[in-house]
C-alpha atoms as a PDB file:
ATOM      1  CA  UNK A   1      -0.186  -5.312   2.609  1.00  0.00           C
ATOM      2  CA  UNK A   2       2.667  -3.054   1.636  1.00  0.00           C
ATOM      3  CA  UNK A   3       4.861  -5.984   0.544  1.00  0.00           C
ATOM      4  CA  UNK A   4       2.376  -7.224  -2.036  1.00  0.00           C
ATOM      5  CA  UNK A   5       1.689  -3.699  -3.267  1.00  0.00           C
ATOM      6  CA  UNK A   6       5.385  -3.328  -4.006  1.00  0.00           C
ATOM      7  CA  UNK A   7       4.759  -5.938  -6.722  1.00  0.00           C
ATOM      8  CA  UNK A   8       3.002  -3.492  -8.991  1.00  0.00           C
ATOM      9  CA  UNK A   9       0.043  -3.028  -6.667  1.00  0.00           C
ATOM     10  CA  UNK A  10      -0.575  -6.782  -6.477  1.00  0.00           C
ATOM     11  CA  UNK A  11      -2.557  -6.601  -3.237  1.00  0.00           C
ATOM     12  CA  UNK A  12      -4.928  -3.999  -4.674  1.00  0.00           C
ATOM     13  CA  UNK A  13      -5.303  -6.132  -7.802  1.00  0.00           C
ATOM     14  CA  UNK A  14      -6.108  -9.176  -5.636  1.00  0.00           C
ATOM     15  CA  UNK A  15      -8.803  -7.218  -3.794  1.00  0.00           C
ATOM     16  CA  UNK A  16     -10.367  -5.869  -7.008  1.00  0.00           C
ATOM     17  CA  UNK A  17     -10.271  -9.116  -9.017  1.00  0.00           C
ATOM     18  CA  UNK A  18     -10.221 -12.068  -6.614  1.00  0.00           C
ATOM     19  CA  UNK A  19     -11.862 -14.429  -9.121  1.00  0.00           C
ATOM     20  CA  UNK A  20      -9.087 -13.879 -11.667  1.00  0.00           C
ATOM     21  CA  UNK A  21      -6.488 -15.099  -9.181  1.00  0.00           C
ATOM     22  CA  UNK A  22      -8.539 -17.957  -7.763  1.00  0.00           C
ATOM     23  CA  UNK A  23      -6.889 -20.617  -9.967  1.00  0.00           C
ATOM     24  CA  UNK A  24      -3.463 -19.513  -8.758  1.00  0.00           C
ATOM     25  CA  UNK A  25      -4.343 -19.829  -5.067  1.00  0.00           C
ATOM     26  CA  UNK A  26      -6.680 -22.834  -5.189  1.00  0.00           C
ATOM     27  CA  UNK A  27      -5.796 -26.515  -5.034  1.00  0.00           C
ATOM     28  CA  UNK A  28      -5.590 -28.053  -8.474  1.00  0.00           C
ATOM     29  CA  UNK A  29      -4.408 -31.270 -10.041  1.00  0.00           C
ATOM     30  CA  UNK A  30      -2.906 -29.186 -12.842  1.00  0.00           C
ATOM     31  CA  UNK A  31       0.749 -28.323 -12.360  1.00  0.00           C
ATOM     32  CA  UNK A  32       1.721 -24.671 -12.397  1.00  0.00           C
ATOM     33  CA  UNK A  33       4.578 -24.531 -14.882  1.00  0.00           C
ATOM     34  CA  UNK A  34       6.889 -21.613 -15.505  1.00  0.00           C
ATOM     35  CA  UNK A  35       5.206 -21.086 -18.875  1.00  0.00           C
ATOM     36  CA  UNK A  36       1.742 -20.993 -17.291  1.00  0.00           C
ATOM     37  CA  UNK A  37       2.955 -18.633 -14.556  1.00  0.00           C
ATOM     38  CA  UNK A  38       4.499 -16.282 -17.135  1.00  0.00           C
ATOM     39  CA  UNK A  39       1.161 -16.165 -18.976  1.00  0.00           C
ATOM     40  CA  UNK A  40      -0.506 -14.731 -15.850  1.00  0.00           C
ATOM     41  CA  UNK A  41       1.335 -11.417 -15.862  1.00  0.00           C
ATOM     42  CA  UNK A  42       2.817  -8.712 -18.043  1.00  0.00           C
ATOM     43  CA  UNK A  43       5.749  -6.688 -16.750  1.00  0.00           C
ATOM     44  CA  UNK A  44       5.293  -2.948 -17.196  1.00  0.00           C
ATOM     45  CA  UNK A  45       8.605  -1.213 -16.657  1.00  0.00           C
ATOM     46  CA  UNK A  46       9.150   2.479 -16.064  1.00  0.00           C
ATOM     47  CA  UNK A  47      10.578   4.350 -19.020  1.00  0.00           C
ATOM     48  CA  UNK A  48      14.293   3.993 -19.801  1.00  0.00           C
ATOM     49  CA  UNK A  49      16.257   6.459 -17.685  1.00  0.00           C
ATOM     50  CA  UNK A  50      13.782   6.421 -14.780  1.00  0.00           C
ATOM     51  CA  UNK A  51      15.419   5.899 -11.381  1.00  0.00           C
ATOM     52  CA  UNK A  52      13.417   2.700 -10.735  1.00  0.00           C
ATOM     53  CA  UNK A  53      14.009   1.064 -14.120  1.00  0.00           C
ATOM     54  CA  UNK A  54      17.214  -0.783 -13.194  1.00  0.00           C
ATOM     55  CA  UNK A  55      15.642  -2.155  -9.997  1.00  0.00           C
ATOM     56  CA  UNK A  56      12.658  -3.381 -12.002  1.00  0.00           C
ATOM     57  CA  UNK A  57      14.897  -5.092 -14.543  1.00  0.00           C
ATOM     58  CA  UNK A  58      16.987  -6.666 -11.766  1.00  0.00           C
ATOM     59  CA  UNK A  59      13.834  -7.976 -10.087  1.00  0.00           C
ATOM     60  CA  UNK A  60      12.534  -9.541 -13.302  1.00  0.00           C
ATOM     61  CA  UNK A  61      15.944 -11.050 -14.036  1.00  0.00           C
ATOM     62  CA  UNK A  62      16.020 -12.655 -10.581  1.00  0.00           C
ATOM     63  CA  UNK A  63      12.477 -13.947 -11.013  1.00  0.00           C
ATOM     64  CA  UNK A  64      13.334 -15.417 -14.414  1.00  0.00           C
ATOM     65  CA  UNK A  65      16.394 -17.135 -12.907  1.00  0.00           C
ATOM     66  CA  UNK A  66      14.158 -18.583 -10.197  1.00  0.00           C
ATOM     67  CA  UNK A  67      11.655 -19.853 -12.777  1.00  0.00           C
ATOM     68  CA  UNK A  68      14.403 -21.446 -14.854  1.00  0.00           C
ATOM     69  CA  UNK A  69      15.834 -23.136 -11.779  1.00  0.00           C
ATOM     70  CA  UNK A  70      12.392 -24.553 -10.918  1.00  0.00           C
ATOM     71  CA  UNK A  71      11.435 -25.531 -14.460  1.00  0.00           C
ATOM     72  CA  UNK A  72      10.581 -29.198 -14.744  1.00  0.00           C
ATOM     73  CA  UNK A  73      10.850 -29.820 -10.995  1.00  0.00           C
ATOM     74  CA  UNK A  74       8.268 -30.140  -8.272  1.00  0.00           C
ATOM     75  CA  UNK A  75       8.865 -27.231  -5.916  1.00  0.00           C
ATOM     76  CA  UNK A  76       7.053 -26.595  -2.659  1.00  0.00           C
ATOM     77  CA  UNK A  77       7.228 -22.911  -1.823  1.00  0.00           C
ATOM     78  CA  UNK A  78       4.841 -20.641   0.015  1.00  0.00           C
ATOM     79  CA  UNK A  79       3.560 -17.448  -1.529  1.00  0.00           C
ATOM     80  CA  UNK A  80       5.106 -15.465   1.328  1.00  0.00           C
ATOM     81  CA  UNK A  81       8.514 -17.018   0.679  1.00  0.00           C
ATOM     82  CA  UNK A  82       8.195 -16.397  -3.042  1.00  0.00           C
ATOM     83  CA  UNK A  83       7.386 -12.712  -2.598  1.00  0.00           C
ATOM     84  CA  UNK A  84      10.288 -12.114  -0.223  1.00  0.00           C
ATOM     85  CA  UNK A  85      13.045 -13.753  -2.277  1.00  0.00           C
END
């Protein structure tokens, strides 16, 4: 799952800790808000000056824009679509 591993090794994390991610991928009556989603991760950027740092910052900026656009709305989006935006 190369695509998911490009998200900070997300696929490997899913395989190692499936129970931790179960609430995210299981049906629930609780709405997943942008605040709740943000609480599920911590961004760890490369050091300033590293070749990848700007790409990482651009990715997080785009993700934050997406979250702000969705905030307060009911959005139906697949995980695959979300990870390929």
